[in-house]
Amino acid sequence: MEKSSTHFKRLQQLITVALLLSVSCKNSSNRGKTDEGSLPYLIDIESSFETTHSLNLSLMGNSIEYVVLETTEDNLMARISGIWLNDSYIVASDGSQVYLFDRSGNYIRKIGSNGRGPGEYNTARLVVDPYNNLIRVNGTGQIVTYDFGGNYIGSWNYGFPTSQGIVIDANSMMFHEYNMPSQGDDNRYSWHIIDMEGDTLRSIVNTLPRFNTPGLIVNTSPLYIYGGDAHFMEFGVDTLYYFKGGEIAPYAIFNQGRYKMEPDFLATGSFRETLKDKTYIADIFESDKYLYIKQMQGIILKTIYSLFDKDSGEFFRLNDGALVNNIDGGVNFWPEVVIDDNILVDYVEAYDLLQYIDNIGGIPEGVGQANFQKLMDLRGQIDENSNPVLMMVRLK
């Protein structure tokens, strides 16, 4: 059932009172740069949904670093499905193979290989383990582990459908199980925490059972690390949770109101037309100042990108589908991943970037000559068959 604006405002009032009482009793503590006394964030999407904003990338950072991933016959990547980087390496997956590059984009080696034999994976969903300095590949029903030298370390199986997992500490991973209707099954799980040997430590039951079949099968849902803590959100539920001292606590509460998609709809007849204006939250990333929110409208009809300002409590729906690149006049930007809470990473197909550069014309208003020239210099570094190009913005 959808929340009404009245109920959401009442919730805001109650939580505000509770927070004031809490702050009056103790000093607030910090996790990263988030004041836990301000949690949970209250994000009113409904009241701001019809208003769109054009926001500049310069709000986030002052420059863009482009990394051209070297293209060889051994590493032709049609797309990027997963990316991770640190000061030394870039690890990238195209969904079927994992590749290792140095930090400048020079190709080093393949990590493992696609297949069904020992030490191979049949699907390459990238999960880098920074605690143990290992690369873990989430295949279908199996985690396959390698070191950065490409050496096979071991593998273990899991028994549920998933395409999404993260490393939450040195000893465990967290997975999102496909959220799907299940008639007569009251114990469908959305989340599993598994140790590095493949043993289940904890499974979290869905708080919102879904029974109507055929219905929507949700294979990904918000799941990310911020401030060292795992954050996660179940499809159809209005609350983003996180682990606080090992316990589950609310981190943000969303009000989508009349725009929220009914989670247990029956996918028959004219359901696509009925749901074309309804939304659900598909993905979230976070930095010290913003939540980066991706909503889906309709059934794979439209993607909506928004920002929530954690300091002001404002919600901004972006009318350009991304942040406007006013730094160098290049393609617009939306983070596909946030590294170490302070580096936003996006990527663009080489062909699309070339098309954009060839049609850009003169220097856009407000863009500096030096930044614009760096963008133009990419023209001589790639061709239409090159691997995708990374775009990175270090936050202010």
Protein backbone atom coordinates (compact mmCIF):
# COMPACT_ATOMS: atom_id res chain seq x y z
CA MET A 1 0.00 0.00 0.00
CA GLU A 2 1.29 3.47 -0.87
CA LYS A 3 2.17 5.92 1.86
CA SER A 4 0.21 9.13 1.81
CA SER A 5 1.93 12.50 2.10
CA THR A 6 0.06 13.06 5.36
CA HIS A 7 1.45 9.88 6.87
CA PHE A 8 4.94 10.75 5.67
CA LYS A 9 4.77 14.23 7.20
CA ARG A 10 3.58 12.72 10.48
CA LEU A 11 6.52 10.30 10.35
CA GLN A 12 8.85 13.22 9.76
CA GLN A 13 7.47 14.98 12.84
CA LEU A 14 7.79 11.91 15.06
CA ILE A 15 11.35 11.16 13.98
CA THR A 16 12.36 14.83 14.34
CA VAL A 17 11.11 14.85 17.94
CA ALA A 18 12.94 11.58 18.64
CA LEU A 19 16.16 12.95 17.16
CA LEU A 20 15.94 16.15 19.19
CA LEU A 21 15.50 14.12 22.38
CA SER A 22 18.43 11.90 21.40
CA VAL A 23 20.73 14.84 20.68
CA SER A 24 19.79 16.51 23.95
CA CYS A 25 20.93 13.39 25.84
CA LYS A 26 24.23 12.70 24.13
CA ASN A 27 26.74 14.02 21.64
CA SER A 28 26.22 12.69 18.15
CA SER A 29 28.74 10.18 16.82
CA ASN A 30 30.26 10.09 13.35
CA ARG A 31 30.45 7.24 10.84
CA GLY A 32 32.50 8.58 7.97
CA LYS A 33 30.95 12.03 7.73
CA THR A 34 27.40 10.94 8.49
CA ASP A 35 26.00 12.08 11.83
CA GLU A 36 24.10 9.07 13.16
CA GLY A 37 21.90 11.50 15.09
CA SER A 38 20.42 12.55 11.73
CA LEU A 39 19.34 9.01 10.79
CA PRO A 40 17.18 7.81 9.28
CA TYR A 41 17.15 10.29 6.42
CA LEU A 42 13.62 11.12 5.25
CA ILE A 43 13.51 11.38 1.46
CA ASP A 44 10.27 12.80 0.09
CA ILE A 45 10.30 11.84 -3.56
CA GLU A 46 6.57 12.36 -4.08
CA SER A 47 6.47 16.09 -3.38
CA SER A 48 9.47 16.80 -5.66
CA PHE A 49 8.91 14.25 -8.40
CA GLU A 50 7.34 16.57 -10.98
CA THR A 51 10.09 19.18 -10.62
CA THR A 52 13.30 18.46 -12.48
CA HIS A 53 16.67 20.12 -12.10
CA SER A 54 19.76 20.62 -14.22
CA LEU A 55 22.75 20.11 -11.91
CA ASN A 56 26.37 20.54 -12.90
CA LEU A 57 29.12 18.01 -12.41
CA SER A 58 31.26 20.77 -10.90
CA LEU A 59 29.13 20.41 -7.76
CA MET A 60 30.99 17.15 -7.19
CA GLY A 61 34.56 17.88 -8.28
CA ASN A 62 36.82 20.24 -10.16
CA SER A 63 38.25 17.91 -12.79
CA ILE A 64 37.67 14.67 -14.69
CA GLU A 65 40.30 11.99 -15.08
CA TYR A 66 39.91 9.90 -18.22
CA VAL A 67 41.49 6.46 -18.38
CA VAL A 68 41.63 4.78 -21.77
CA LEU A 69 41.65 1.02 -21.23
CA GLU A 70 44.25 -0.41 -23.60
CA THR A 71 42.75 -2.51 -26.39
CA THR A 72 44.45 -5.69 -27.58
CA GLU A 73 43.29 -8.85 -29.33
CA ASP A 74 43.28 -10.51 -25.91
CA ASN A 75 40.94 -8.10 -24.15
CA LEU A 76 38.26 -6.80 -26.50
CA MET A 77 35.44 -5.55 -24.25
CA ALA A 78 32.06 -4.83 -25.80
CA ARG A 79 30.91 -3.24 -22.55
CA ILE A 80 31.72 -2.86 -18.87
CA SER A 81 29.48 -4.66 -16.42
CA GLY A 82 31.66 -4.19 -13.35
CA ILE A 83 34.58 -1.96 -12.35
CA TRP A 84 36.88 -1.55 -9.36
CA LEU A 85 40.11 0.39 -8.87
CA ASN A 86 42.70 1.47 -6.36
CA ASP A 87 45.97 3.38 -6.64
CA SER A 88 47.67 0.48 -8.46
CA TYR A 89 45.09 -1.44 -10.48
CA ILE A 90 41.86 -1.33 -12.42
CA VAL A 91 39.78 -4.50 -12.52
CA ALA A 92 37.02 -4.64 -15.13
CA SER A 93 34.48 -7.21 -16.28
CA ASP A 94 32.41 -7.34 -19.44
CA GLY A 95 30.05 -9.93 -17.98
CA SER A 96 31.90 -12.95 -19.33
CA GLN A 97 35.59 -12.26 -18.59
CA VAL A 98 37.55 -10.32 -15.95
CA TYR A 99 40.55 -8.20 -16.98
CA LEU A 100 43.33 -6.52 -15.02
CA PHE A 101 44.87 -3.16 -16.01
CA ASP A 102 47.32 -0.90 -14.26
CA ARG A 103 46.07 2.42 -12.94
CA SER A 104 46.93 4.16 -16.22
CA GLY A 105 44.86 1.70 -18.25
CA ASN A 106 47.69 -0.45 -19.57
CA TYR A 107 46.53 -4.03 -20.03
CA ILE A 108 48.15 -6.63 -17.74
CA ARG A 109 46.25 -9.93 -17.98
CA LYS A 110 43.03 -11.83 -17.90
CA ILE A 111 41.86 -13.01 -14.50
CA GLY A 112 40.71 -16.61 -14.82
CA SER A 113 38.72 -17.72 -17.81
CA ASN A 114 35.17 -18.29 -18.88
CA GLY A 115 34.13 -21.92 -18.86
CA ARG A 116 32.70 -24.72 -16.76
CA GLY A 117 35.87 -26.48 -15.69
CA PRO A 118 37.78 -26.25 -12.38
CA GLY A 119 38.92 -22.70 -11.69
CA GLU A 120 36.66 -21.26 -14.39
CA TYR A 121 33.47 -19.21 -14.24
CA ASN A 122 30.49 -19.19 -16.58
CA THR A 123 29.46 -15.62 -15.75
CA ALA A 124 31.79 -12.85 -14.60
CA ARG A 125 30.15 -10.66 -11.98
CA LEU A 126 33.02 -8.78 -10.39
CA VAL A 127 33.44 -8.69 -6.58
CA VAL A 128 36.86 -7.40 -5.47
CA ASP A 129 37.92 -8.21 -1.90
CA PRO A 130 40.10 -5.31 -0.73
CA TYR A 131 40.52 -6.79 2.76
CA ASN A 132 42.31 -9.91 1.51
CA ASN A 133 43.62 -8.42 -1.74
CA LEU A 134 41.72 -10.95 -3.84
CA ILE A 135 39.44 -10.93 -6.87
CA ARG A 136 36.24 -12.92 -6.35
CA VAL A 137 34.14 -13.68 -9.41
CA ASN A 138 30.46 -14.32 -8.81
CA GLY A 139 29.47 -16.92 -11.39
CA THR A 140 26.19 -18.80 -11.52
CA GLY A 141 25.94 -20.52 -8.14
CA GLN A 142 29.64 -20.23 -7.39
CA ILE A 143 32.30 -17.83 -6.12
CA VAL A 144 35.68 -18.32 -7.83
CA THR A 145 38.68 -16.61 -6.20
CA TYR A 146 41.97 -15.41 -7.73
CA ASP A 147 44.87 -13.26 -6.63
CA PHE A 148 45.98 -10.23 -8.60
CA GLY A 149 48.59 -12.37 -10.31
CA GLY A 150 45.74 -14.28 -11.90
CA ASN A 151 46.39 -17.41 -9.85
CA TYR A 152 43.40 -19.55 -8.96
CA ILE A 153 42.90 -19.70 -5.16
CA GLY A 154 39.71 -21.72 -4.75
CA SER A 155 35.96 -21.74 -5.14
CA TRP A 156 32.76 -22.47 -3.23
CA ASN A 157 29.11 -22.86 -4.11
CA TYR A 158 25.93 -21.21 -2.91
CA GLY A 159 22.38 -22.47 -3.37
CA PHE A 160 20.22 -19.51 -4.36
CA PRO A 161 19.76 -17.35 -7.48
CA THR A 162 21.76 -14.12 -7.32
CA SER A 163 23.56 -11.73 -9.61
CA GLN A 164 24.66 -9.32 -6.89
CA GLY A 165 27.14 -9.54 -4.03
CA ILE A 166 29.59 -7.41 -2.07
CA VAL A 167 32.45 -8.04 0.35
CA ILE A 168 31.41 -6.57 3.71
CA ASP A 169 34.54 -7.39 5.75
CA ALA A 170 37.59 -9.64 5.74
CA ASN A 171 35.52 -12.69 6.63
CA SER A 172 32.19 -12.42 4.83
CA MET A 173 30.18 -11.43 1.79
CA MET A 174 26.58 -10.31 1.41
CA PHE A 175 24.35 -11.42 -1.47
CA HIS A 176 20.98 -10.34 -2.79
CA GLU A 177 18.78 -13.29 -3.70
CA TYR A 178 16.39 -12.74 -6.60
CA ASN A 179 13.18 -11.24 -5.23
CA MET A 180 10.30 -13.11 -6.86
CA PRO A 181 6.73 -14.11 -6.07
CA SER A 182 6.39 -17.47 -4.36
CA GLN A 183 2.96 -18.88 -3.60
CA GLY A 184 2.70 -20.64 -0.27
CA ASP A 185 6.30 -19.85 0.74
CA ASP A 186 6.48 -17.52 3.73
CA ASN A 187 10.26 -17.75 4.08
CA ARG A 188 11.64 -16.19 0.94
CA TYR A 189 14.97 -14.52 1.68
CA SER A 190 16.27 -11.32 0.16
CA TRP A 191 19.74 -11.33 1.69
CA HIS A 192 22.39 -13.85 2.73
CA ILE A 193 25.66 -13.29 4.60
CA ILE A 194 28.19 -16.01 3.82
CA ASP A 195 31.73 -16.52 5.10
CA MET A 196 34.73 -16.95 2.84
CA GLU A 197 34.42 -20.73 2.98
CA GLY A 198 30.86 -20.69 1.66
CA ASP A 199 29.03 -21.26 4.95
CA THR A 200 25.88 -19.22 5.58
CA LEU A 201 26.17 -16.98 8.63
CA ARG A 202 22.80 -15.26 8.37
CA SER A 203 19.80 -15.08 6.06
CA ILE A 204 17.31 -12.22 6.18
CA VAL A 205 13.68 -13.03 5.42
CA ASN A 206 11.69 -10.73 3.13
CA THR A 207 9.58 -8.28 5.09
CA LEU A 208 7.18 -7.97 2.16
CA PRO A 209 6.03 -11.39 0.87
CA ARG A 210 4.92 -11.48 -2.77
CA PHE A 211 2.51 -14.13 -4.03
CA ASN A 212 1.05 -13.08 -7.41
CA THR A 213 2.40 -15.09 -10.32
CA PRO A 214 3.39 -14.31 -12.92
CA GLY A 215 5.02 -11.27 -11.35
CA LEU A 216 8.18 -9.21 -11.56
CA ILE A 217 11.48 -11.01 -10.88
CA VAL A 218 13.87 -8.47 -9.35
CA ASN A 219 17.47 -9.60 -9.76
CA THR A 220 19.18 -6.51 -8.33
CA SER A 221 18.34 -4.12 -5.52
CA PRO A 222 20.27 -1.37 -3.70
CA LEU A 223 23.32 -2.96 -2.07
CA TYR A 224 26.51 -1.02 -1.37
CA ILE A 225 29.20 -0.17 1.18
CA TYR A 226 29.47 3.30 2.69
CA GLY A 227 31.45 4.27 5.76
CA GLY A 228 32.52 0.65 6.05
CA ASP A 229 28.92 -0.54 6.54
CA ALA A 230 26.69 -2.59 4.24
CA HIS A 231 23.52 -0.79 3.10
CA PHE A 232 20.64 -2.66 1.48
CA MET A 233 17.02 -2.22 0.43
CA GLU A 234 14.36 -4.83 -0.33
CA PHE A 235 12.20 -4.40 -3.42
CA GLY A 236 8.83 -2.87 -2.57
CA VAL A 237 9.93 -1.69 0.89
CA ASP A 238 10.33 2.02 1.62
CA THR A 239 13.32 1.71 3.96
CA LEU A 240 17.03 1.56 3.17
CA TYR A 241 18.75 -0.36 5.99
CA TYR A 242 22.32 -0.67 7.21
CA PHE A 243 24.22 -2.70 9.76
CA LYS A 244 24.86 -0.72 12.94
CA GLY A 245 27.02 -2.65 15.36
CA GLY A 246 25.97 -5.89 13.74
CA GLU A 247 22.27 -5.05 14.01
CA ILE A 248 19.95 -3.96 11.20
CA ALA A 249 18.87 -0.32 11.52
CA PRO A 250 16.94 2.08 9.24
CA TYR A 251 19.21 4.41 7.29
CA ALA A 252 16.76 6.23 4.99
CA ILE A 253 12.99 6.19 4.51
CA PHE A 254 11.61 7.01 1.06
CA ASN A 255 8.19 8.40 0.26
CA GLN A 256 7.28 7.66 -3.35
CA GLY A 257 3.61 8.12 -2.57
CA ARG A 258 1.29 7.88 -5.55
CA TYR A 259 4.22 7.17 -7.87
CA LYS A 260 5.29 3.98 -6.10
CA MET A 261 4.90 0.75 -8.03
CA GLU A 262 2.70 -1.87 -6.39
CA PRO A 263 5.28 -4.61 -5.65
CA ASP A 264 2.95 -7.63 -5.89
CA PHE A 265 1.23 -6.89 -9.20
CA LEU A 266 -0.01 -9.59 -11.53
CA ALA A 267 1.94 -9.47 -14.80
CA THR A 268 -0.95 -10.25 -17.10
CA GLY A 269 -3.23 -8.29 -19.42
CA SER A 270 -2.48 -4.58 -19.68
CA PHE A 271 -0.16 -4.45 -16.66
CA ARG A 272 2.55 -2.57 -18.58
CA GLU A 273 0.14 0.24 -19.42
CA THR A 274 -1.20 0.30 -15.86
CA LEU A 275 2.28 0.59 -14.37
CA LYS A 276 3.89 2.89 -16.94
CA ASP A 277 4.00 5.89 -14.56
CA LYS A 278 4.89 3.94 -11.42
CA THR A 279 8.43 3.74 -10.04
CA TYR A 280 10.65 1.66 -7.81
CA ILE A 281 14.14 2.29 -6.45
CA ALA A 282 16.60 0.16 -8.38
CA ASP A 283 20.02 1.30 -7.20
CA ILE A 284 21.73 3.64 -4.74
CA PHE A 285 25.29 4.82 -4.24
CA GLU A 286 26.53 7.21 -1.60
CA SER A 287 29.21 9.78 -0.88
CA ASP A 288 29.69 12.04 2.13
CA LYS A 289 27.27 14.63 0.77
CA TYR A 290 24.82 12.82 -1.52
CA LEU A 291 22.79 9.72 -2.14
CA TYR A 292 22.81 8.89 -5.87
CA ILE A 293 19.42 7.31 -6.55
CA LYS A 294 18.32 5.40 -9.65
CA GLN A 295 14.63 4.66 -10.10
CA MET A 296 12.95 2.59 -12.75
CA GLN A 297 9.66 3.89 -14.16
CA GLY A 298 7.30 1.34 -15.62
CA ILE A 299 8.50 -2.12 -16.57
CA ILE A 300 11.96 -1.38 -18.02
CA LEU A 301 10.48 1.74 -19.59
CA LYS A 302 12.55 4.63 -18.28
CA THR A 303 15.41 5.28 -15.87
CA ILE A 304 15.22 8.28 -13.53
CA TYR A 305 18.34 9.68 -11.86
CA SER A 306 18.16 11.79 -8.71
CA LEU A 307 20.30 13.22 -5.92
CA PHE A 308 19.48 13.52 -2.25
CA ASP A 309 21.48 16.18 -0.39
CA LYS A 310 22.20 14.69 3.03
CA ASP A 311 22.93 18.09 4.57
CA SER A 312 19.92 20.06 3.34
CA GLY A 313 17.45 17.18 3.00
CA GLU A 314 16.62 18.25 -0.59
CA PHE A 315 15.74 15.80 -3.34
CA PHE A 316 16.66 16.67 -6.93
CA ARG A 317 15.34 14.77 -9.93
CA LEU A 318 17.71 15.37 -12.83
CA ASN A 319 16.12 16.47 -16.08
CA ASP A 320 19.20 15.63 -18.14
CA GLY A 321 19.30 12.01 -17.00
CA ALA A 322 22.73 12.71 -15.50
CA LEU A 323 24.94 15.47 -14.14
CA VAL A 324 25.74 18.06 -16.81
CA ASN A 325 29.44 17.94 -17.62
CA ASN A 326 30.36 21.59 -17.32
CA ILE A 327 33.94 20.73 -16.36
CA ASP A 328 35.25 19.97 -19.85
CA GLY A 329 32.07 19.99 -21.96
CA GLY A 330 32.16 16.23 -22.46
CA VAL A 331 29.41 13.64 -22.13
CA ASN A 332 27.16 13.91 -19.14
CA PHE A 333 28.03 11.90 -16.05
CA TRP A 334 26.34 9.48 -13.66
CA PRO A 335 28.38 7.34 -11.24
CA GLU A 336 28.23 3.61 -11.93
CA VAL A 337 30.23 3.02 -8.76
CA VAL A 338 31.70 5.04 -5.88
CA ILE A 339 35.20 4.03 -4.79
CA ASP A 340 36.33 4.61 -1.17
CA ASP A 341 33.33 6.92 -0.63
CA ASN A 342 35.02 9.74 -2.56
CA ILE A 343 35.73 8.78 -6.20
CA LEU A 344 32.85 8.70 -8.66
CA VAL A 345 33.40 6.39 -11.63
CA ASP A 346 31.47 6.36 -14.90
CA TYR A 347 32.37 4.94 -18.30
CA VAL A 348 31.49 5.60 -21.89
CA GLU A 349 31.76 3.51 -25.04
CA ALA A 350 34.62 4.68 -27.25
CA TYR A 351 32.33 4.97 -30.29
CA ASP A 352 29.86 7.17 -28.38
CA LEU A 353 32.64 9.36 -27.03
CA LEU A 354 34.10 9.87 -30.51
CA GLN A 355 30.69 10.77 -31.91
CA TYR A 356 30.23 13.31 -29.14
CA ILE A 357 33.66 14.88 -29.62
CA ASP A 358 33.20 15.12 -33.38
CA ASN A 359 29.91 16.97 -32.96
CA ILE A 360 30.70 19.22 -30.02
CA GLY A 361 31.67 22.30 -32.01
CA GLY A 362 33.38 25.03 -30.03
CA ILE A 363 34.20 25.33 -26.36
CA PRO A 364 30.95 25.30 -24.33
CA GLU A 365 30.23 28.39 -22.26
CA GLY A 366 31.92 28.32 -18.86
CA VAL A 367 34.36 25.53 -19.76
CA GLY A 368 38.07 26.26 -19.39
CA GLN A 369 40.40 25.92 -22.37
CA ALA A 370 42.75 23.48 -20.61
CA ASN A 371 39.97 21.08 -19.59
CA PHE A 372 38.38 21.25 -23.02
CA GLN A 373 41.69 20.48 -24.71
CA LYS A 374 42.15 17.34 -22.56
CA LEU A 375 38.79 16.15 -23.82
CA MET A 376 39.75 16.87 -27.42
CA ASP A 377 43.07 15.03 -26.98
CA LEU A 378 41.15 11.79 -26.43
CA ARG A 379 40.32 11.85 -30.15
CA GLY A 380 43.85 10.71 -30.94
CA GLN A 381 43.94 7.98 -28.29
CA ILE A 382 40.93 5.87 -29.29
CA ASP A 383 39.04 4.66 -32.31
CA GLU A 384 35.53 3.27 -32.64
CA ASN A 385 36.72 -0.26 -31.82
CA SER A 386 38.56 0.70 -28.63
CA ASN A 387 37.59 -0.50 -25.19
CA PRO A 388 35.33 1.75 -23.07
CA VAL A 389 36.86 4.85 -21.48
CA LEU A 390 36.66 5.45 -17.74
CA MET A 391 35.62 8.84 -16.36
CA MET A 392 36.56 9.57 -12.76
CA VAL A 393 35.73 12.52 -10.54
CA ARG A 394 37.39 12.92 -7.15
CA LEU A 395 34.93 14.61 -4.81
CA LYS A 396 35.68 17.98 -3.34
